[in-house]
Protein backbone atom coordinates (compact mmCIF):
# COMPACT_ATOMS: atom_id res chain seq x y z
CA UNK A 1 -91.10 29.95 -6.91
CA UNK A 2 -87.48 29.49 -7.99
CA UNK A 3 -86.34 25.88 -8.38
CA UNK A 4 -83.65 24.84 -5.91
CA UNK A 5 -80.16 24.71 -7.39
CA UNK A 6 -77.78 21.90 -6.67
CA UNK A 7 -74.02 22.32 -6.24
CA UNK A 8 -73.60 21.55 -9.95
CA UNK A 9 -75.31 24.83 -10.85
CA UNK A 10 -78.30 23.08 -12.44
CA UNK A 11 -81.80 22.97 -10.93
CA UNK A 12 -82.57 19.87 -8.91
CA UNK A 13 -84.34 17.14 -10.99
CA UNK A 14 -82.86 18.53 -14.18
CA UNK A 15 -79.86 17.31 -16.21
CA UNK A 16 -77.57 19.37 -18.45
CA UNK A 17 -77.61 18.42 -22.13
CA UNK A 18 -74.46 16.49 -22.98
CA UNK A 19 -75.10 16.71 -26.74
CA UNK A 20 -74.50 19.76 -28.93
CA UNK A 21 -77.37 21.47 -30.69
CA UNK A 22 -78.24 19.29 -33.70
CA UNK A 23 -77.34 20.40 -37.21
CA UNK A 24 -73.96 20.79 -38.93
CA UNK A 25 -71.91 23.39 -37.12
CA UNK A 26 -74.57 24.09 -34.53
CA UNK A 27 -73.30 24.46 -30.99
CA UNK A 28 -73.80 26.35 -27.78
CA UNK A 29 -70.12 27.26 -27.70
CA UNK A 30 -69.41 30.97 -27.87
CA UNK A 31 -65.68 30.80 -28.58
CA UNK A 32 -64.05 30.74 -32.03
CA UNK A 33 -64.18 26.91 -32.28
CA UNK A 34 -63.86 27.08 -36.07
CA UNK A 35 -60.39 28.67 -35.90
CA UNK A 36 -58.45 25.43 -35.19
CA UNK A 37 -60.14 23.46 -38.05
CA UNK A 38 -59.49 26.36 -40.41
CA UNK A 39 -55.79 26.53 -39.52
CA UNK A 40 -55.49 22.76 -39.84
CA UNK A 41 -57.10 22.94 -43.28
CA UNK A 42 -54.65 25.64 -44.41
CA UNK A 43 -51.71 23.63 -43.03
CA UNK A 44 -52.79 20.49 -44.83
CA UNK A 45 -53.39 22.43 -48.07
CA UNK A 46 -50.02 24.21 -47.98
CA UNK A 47 -47.90 21.22 -46.93
CA UNK A 48 -49.76 18.70 -49.05
CA UNK A 49 -49.89 20.91 -52.09
CA UNK A 50 -46.20 21.90 -51.89
CA UNK A 51 -45.03 18.31 -51.26
CA UNK A 52 -47.00 17.01 -54.25
CA UNK A 53 -45.60 19.77 -56.49
CA UNK A 54 -42.04 19.25 -55.33
CA UNK A 55 -42.20 15.48 -55.62
CA UNK A 56 -43.28 15.69 -59.26
CA UNK A 57 -40.47 18.08 -60.28
CA UNK A 58 -37.75 15.43 -60.43
CA UNK A 59 -35.00 18.07 -60.53
CA UNK A 60 -33.17 20.59 -58.31
CA UNK A 61 -33.45 18.25 -55.34
CA UNK A 62 -29.70 17.85 -54.74
CA UNK A 63 -26.77 20.23 -54.40
CA UNK A 64 -23.30 19.30 -53.15
CA UNK A 65 -23.81 17.34 -49.90
CA UNK A 66 -27.44 18.39 -49.62
CA UNK A 67 -30.39 16.25 -50.68
CA UNK A 68 -34.04 17.16 -50.21
CA UNK A 69 -35.68 14.93 -47.58
CA UNK A 70 -38.54 14.37 -49.99
CA UNK A 71 -36.05 12.68 -52.30
CA UNK A 72 -34.05 10.85 -49.61
CA UNK A 73 -33.81 7.57 -51.43
CA UNK A 74 -30.99 5.19 -52.49
CA UNK A 75 -32.71 4.94 -55.88
CA UNK A 76 -32.06 8.05 -57.95
CA UNK A 77 -31.22 6.67 -61.39
CA UNK A 78 -34.82 6.14 -62.49
CA UNK A 79 -36.74 7.58 -65.47
CA UNK A 80 -39.21 9.36 -63.18
CA UNK A 81 -39.07 11.49 -60.04
CA UNK A 82 -37.13 9.57 -57.34
CA UNK A 83 -39.42 11.06 -54.68
CA UNK A 84 -42.25 8.83 -55.86
CA UNK A 85 -40.36 5.67 -54.91
CA UNK A 86 -40.59 6.08 -51.11
CA UNK A 87 -42.99 9.00 -50.64
CA UNK A 88 -45.91 6.61 -50.10
CA UNK A 89 -44.35 5.57 -46.80
CA UNK A 90 -44.52 8.94 -44.99
CA UNK A 91 -47.93 9.57 -46.59
CA UNK A 92 -49.24 6.27 -45.23
CA UNK A 93 -47.59 6.81 -41.85
CA UNK A 94 -49.04 10.29 -41.41
CA UNK A 95 -52.47 9.42 -42.87
CA UNK A 96 -52.90 6.57 -40.35
CA UNK A 97 -51.33 8.52 -37.45
CA UNK A 98 -53.54 8.77 -34.36
CA UNK A 99 -53.01 12.51 -34.11
CA UNK A 100 -53.65 13.25 -37.78
CA UNK A 101 -56.78 11.13 -37.71
CA UNK A 102 -58.26 13.57 -35.22
CA UNK A 103 -57.30 16.47 -37.48
CA UNK A 104 -58.68 15.22 -40.77
CA UNK A 105 -61.82 13.76 -39.17
CA UNK A 106 -62.67 17.25 -37.98
CA UNK A 107 -61.61 19.11 -41.11
CA UNK A 108 -62.58 16.85 -44.01
CA UNK A 109 -65.34 14.65 -42.56
CA UNK A 110 -66.80 17.13 -40.05
CA UNK A 111 -67.16 14.24 -37.63
CA UNK A 112 -67.33 16.42 -35.55
CA UNK A 113 -65.65 19.70 -36.62
CA UNK A 114 -64.83 20.47 -32.96
CA UNK A 115 -65.73 19.35 -29.45
CA UNK A 116 -69.41 19.86 -28.65
CA UNK A 117 -70.14 20.97 -32.23
CA UNK A 118 -72.56 18.99 -34.41
CA UNK A 119 -71.03 17.22 -37.35
CA UNK A 120 -72.16 15.46 -40.47
CA UNK A 121 -72.29 11.93 -39.13
CA UNK A 122 -74.55 10.61 -36.39
CA UNK A 123 -73.17 7.08 -36.34
CA UNK A 124 -69.63 6.05 -35.60
CA UNK A 125 -68.42 2.61 -36.62
CA UNK A 126 -64.87 3.02 -35.44
CA UNK A 127 -62.32 1.45 -37.76
CA UNK A 128 -64.29 -1.63 -38.68
CA UNK A 129 -65.36 -0.51 -42.13
CA UNK A 130 -63.63 0.67 -45.26
CA UNK A 131 -61.79 3.00 -45.68
CA UNK A 132 -61.12 3.64 -41.98
CA UNK A 133 -60.17 0.00 -41.39
CA UNK A 134 -56.95 0.83 -43.24
CA UNK A 135 -55.89 2.87 -40.21
CA UNK A 136 -55.01 -0.46 -38.58
CA UNK A 137 -52.01 -0.56 -40.92
CA UNK A 138 -50.37 2.22 -38.88
CA UNK A 139 -48.11 -0.16 -36.92
CA UNK A 140 -46.75 -1.55 -40.17
CA UNK A 141 -46.12 1.91 -41.58
CA UNK A 142 -44.22 2.56 -38.36
CA UNK A 143 -41.70 -0.20 -39.22
CA UNK A 144 -41.18 1.38 -42.65
CA UNK A 145 -40.93 4.88 -41.13
CA UNK A 146 -38.11 3.64 -38.87
CA UNK A 147 -36.17 2.72 -42.04
CA UNK A 148 -36.81 6.22 -43.37
CA UNK A 149 -35.43 7.72 -40.18
CA UNK A 150 -32.18 5.79 -40.68
CA UNK A 151 -32.03 6.97 -44.28
CA UNK A 152 -32.69 10.59 -43.28
CA UNK A 153 -29.91 10.44 -40.68
CA UNK A 154 -27.54 9.16 -43.37
CA UNK A 155 -28.32 12.20 -45.49
CA UNK A 156 -28.16 14.51 -42.45
CA UNK A 157 -24.59 13.35 -41.70
CA UNK A 158 -23.77 13.65 -45.40
CA UNK A 159 -24.94 17.27 -45.34
CA UNK A 160 -21.84 18.11 -43.23
CA UNK A 161 -19.40 16.52 -45.71
CA UNK A 162 -18.08 19.08 -48.22
CA UNK A 163 -15.76 17.34 -50.66
CA UNK A 164 -14.39 15.08 -47.96
CA UNK A 165 -14.04 17.90 -45.42
CA UNK A 166 -16.25 18.57 -42.42
CA UNK A 167 -18.24 21.76 -42.85
CA UNK A 168 -21.37 23.51 -41.66
CA UNK A 169 -23.69 25.41 -43.94
CA UNK A 170 -27.20 26.74 -43.56
CA UNK A 171 -28.42 23.72 -45.54
CA UNK A 172 -26.62 21.40 -43.10
CA UNK A 173 -28.52 22.87 -40.18
CA UNK A 174 -31.86 22.90 -42.01
CA UNK A 175 -31.55 19.24 -43.01
CA UNK A 176 -30.38 18.30 -39.48
CA UNK A 177 -33.34 20.13 -37.92
CA UNK A 178 -35.75 18.30 -40.21
CA UNK A 179 -34.12 14.94 -39.36
CA UNK A 180 -34.29 15.58 -35.61
CA UNK A 181 -37.95 16.60 -35.75
CA UNK A 182 -38.84 13.66 -37.97
CA UNK A 183 -37.14 11.38 -35.42
CA UNK A 184 -39.09 12.98 -32.56
CA UNK A 185 -42.32 12.53 -34.48
CA UNK A 186 -41.66 8.87 -35.26
CA UNK A 187 -40.35 7.95 -31.78
CA UNK A 188 -43.24 9.73 -30.05
CA UNK A 189 -45.70 7.60 -32.03
CA UNK A 190 -48.43 5.85 -30.04
CA UNK A 191 -47.68 2.53 -31.73
CA UNK A 192 -43.97 2.89 -30.89
CA UNK A 193 -44.87 3.56 -27.28
CA UNK A 194 -47.03 0.45 -27.21
CA UNK A 195 -44.30 -1.58 -28.89
CA UNK A 196 -41.78 -0.42 -26.25
CA UNK A 197 -43.85 -1.35 -23.21
CA UNK A 198 -47.58 -1.01 -23.70
CA UNK A 199 -48.13 -4.73 -24.09
CA UNK A 200 -46.53 -5.57 -20.73
CA UNK A 201 -48.79 -6.15 -17.72
CA UNK A 202 -46.07 -5.92 -15.08
CA UNK A 203 -42.81 -3.99 -15.38
CA UNK A 204 -41.21 -5.42 -12.25
CA UNK A 205 -40.94 -9.04 -13.39
CA UNK A 206 -37.22 -8.95 -14.13
CA UNK A 207 -34.35 -6.66 -15.00
CA UNK A 208 -35.30 -6.56 -18.68
CA UNK A 209 -38.87 -5.42 -18.05
CA UNK A 210 -37.60 -2.82 -15.62
CA UNK A 211 -35.38 -1.52 -18.38
CA UNK A 212 -38.39 -1.53 -20.71
CA UNK A 213 -40.27 0.56 -18.17
CA UNK A 214 -37.56 3.21 -18.23
CA UNK A 215 -37.65 3.27 -22.03
CA UNK A 216 -41.47 3.38 -21.99
CA UNK A 217 -41.45 6.30 -19.52
CA UNK A 218 -39.14 8.33 -21.74
CA UNK A 219 -41.19 7.58 -24.84
CA UNK A 220 -44.26 8.66 -22.90
CA UNK A 221 -42.69 12.07 -22.34
CA UNK A 222 -42.14 12.37 -26.11
CA UNK A 223 -45.67 11.08 -26.78
CA UNK A 224 -47.16 13.95 -24.77
CA UNK A 225 -45.97 16.35 -27.50
CA UNK A 226 -46.68 14.01 -30.43
CA UNK A 227 -48.95 16.57 -32.11
CA UNK A 228 -46.26 19.27 -31.91
CA UNK A 229 -43.64 17.00 -33.49
CA UNK A 230 -46.16 16.04 -36.14
CA UNK A 231 -46.75 19.64 -37.28
CA UNK A 232 -43.15 20.78 -36.93
CA UNK A 233 -41.77 17.81 -38.91
CA UNK A 234 -44.37 18.38 -41.62
CA UNK A 235 -43.27 21.99 -41.93
CA UNK A 236 -39.49 21.34 -41.84
CA UNK A 237 -39.61 18.67 -44.55
CA UNK A 238 -41.10 21.27 -46.88
CA UNK A 239 -38.65 23.91 -45.68
CA UNK A 240 -35.64 21.66 -46.24
CA UNK A 241 -36.80 20.76 -49.76
CA UNK A 242 -37.44 24.41 -50.53
CA UNK A 243 -33.99 25.46 -49.33
CA UNK A 244 -32.17 22.76 -51.33
CA UNK A 245 -34.29 23.64 -54.37
CA UNK A 246 -33.31 27.32 -54.12
CA UNK A 247 -29.63 26.51 -53.81
CA UNK A 248 -29.65 23.88 -56.56
CA UNK A 249 -31.40 26.22 -59.00
CA UNK A 250 -29.00 29.05 -58.29
CA UNK A 251 -31.62 31.34 -56.75
CA UNK A 252 -29.94 31.28 -53.33
CA UNK A 253 -26.28 30.92 -52.37
CA UNK A 254 -25.62 28.60 -49.47
CA UNK A 255 -23.91 30.27 -46.54
CA UNK A 256 -21.03 28.37 -44.99
CA UNK A 257 -20.21 28.89 -41.32
CA UNK A 258 -17.31 26.47 -41.16
């Protein structure tokens, strides 16, 4: 006799298993679930490895009006690489970012490597224990990241100033694109969204809270693509540094449009 089947597709008096098959990497999924963690690992390795290498060079980071965003700092006359002065800020901001937490938890800690795939840990303590409690510093790294955005925009505007004359070169556009994407990444941040209006219980109290609601709604639109801005800005900061490095070392001649 065949057991009756409910509308859910499961036999009556039976419940589907909500847990993946136990054991690292075991799952009932049949798709290529491992592809996303692999791509994330490669992206982290390429961007992190290149940024570390470039930051330690201490040369070929500036040409004419162009300055590598990795070296965007008011402190350049130091006996070591200027990139090391402020680089800890974007590292801390990205390392504690809500989106990047998901990525490195899956790739480096296998906790879990993907949805419905068994990982290495069976107990989750949230962010109450070291080192994950440091993720609570994200809101403070946000304040520092806002200062970096201002600094990057200063260098982006400077990239269009050729000996006192307005001009447009390939480097100008590359640095501008990196600055725009960095701004989108920072201003789509979950902590920024909360700071704008997440702590308000009622938006209709007065004219100011209504204005906050409009700002919060626009930030929410940005926040929906926070992961996209995170990856694009990580790529363009490396691309901008690489372009300036090629021009400064004489390998590549900057093309001027205007």
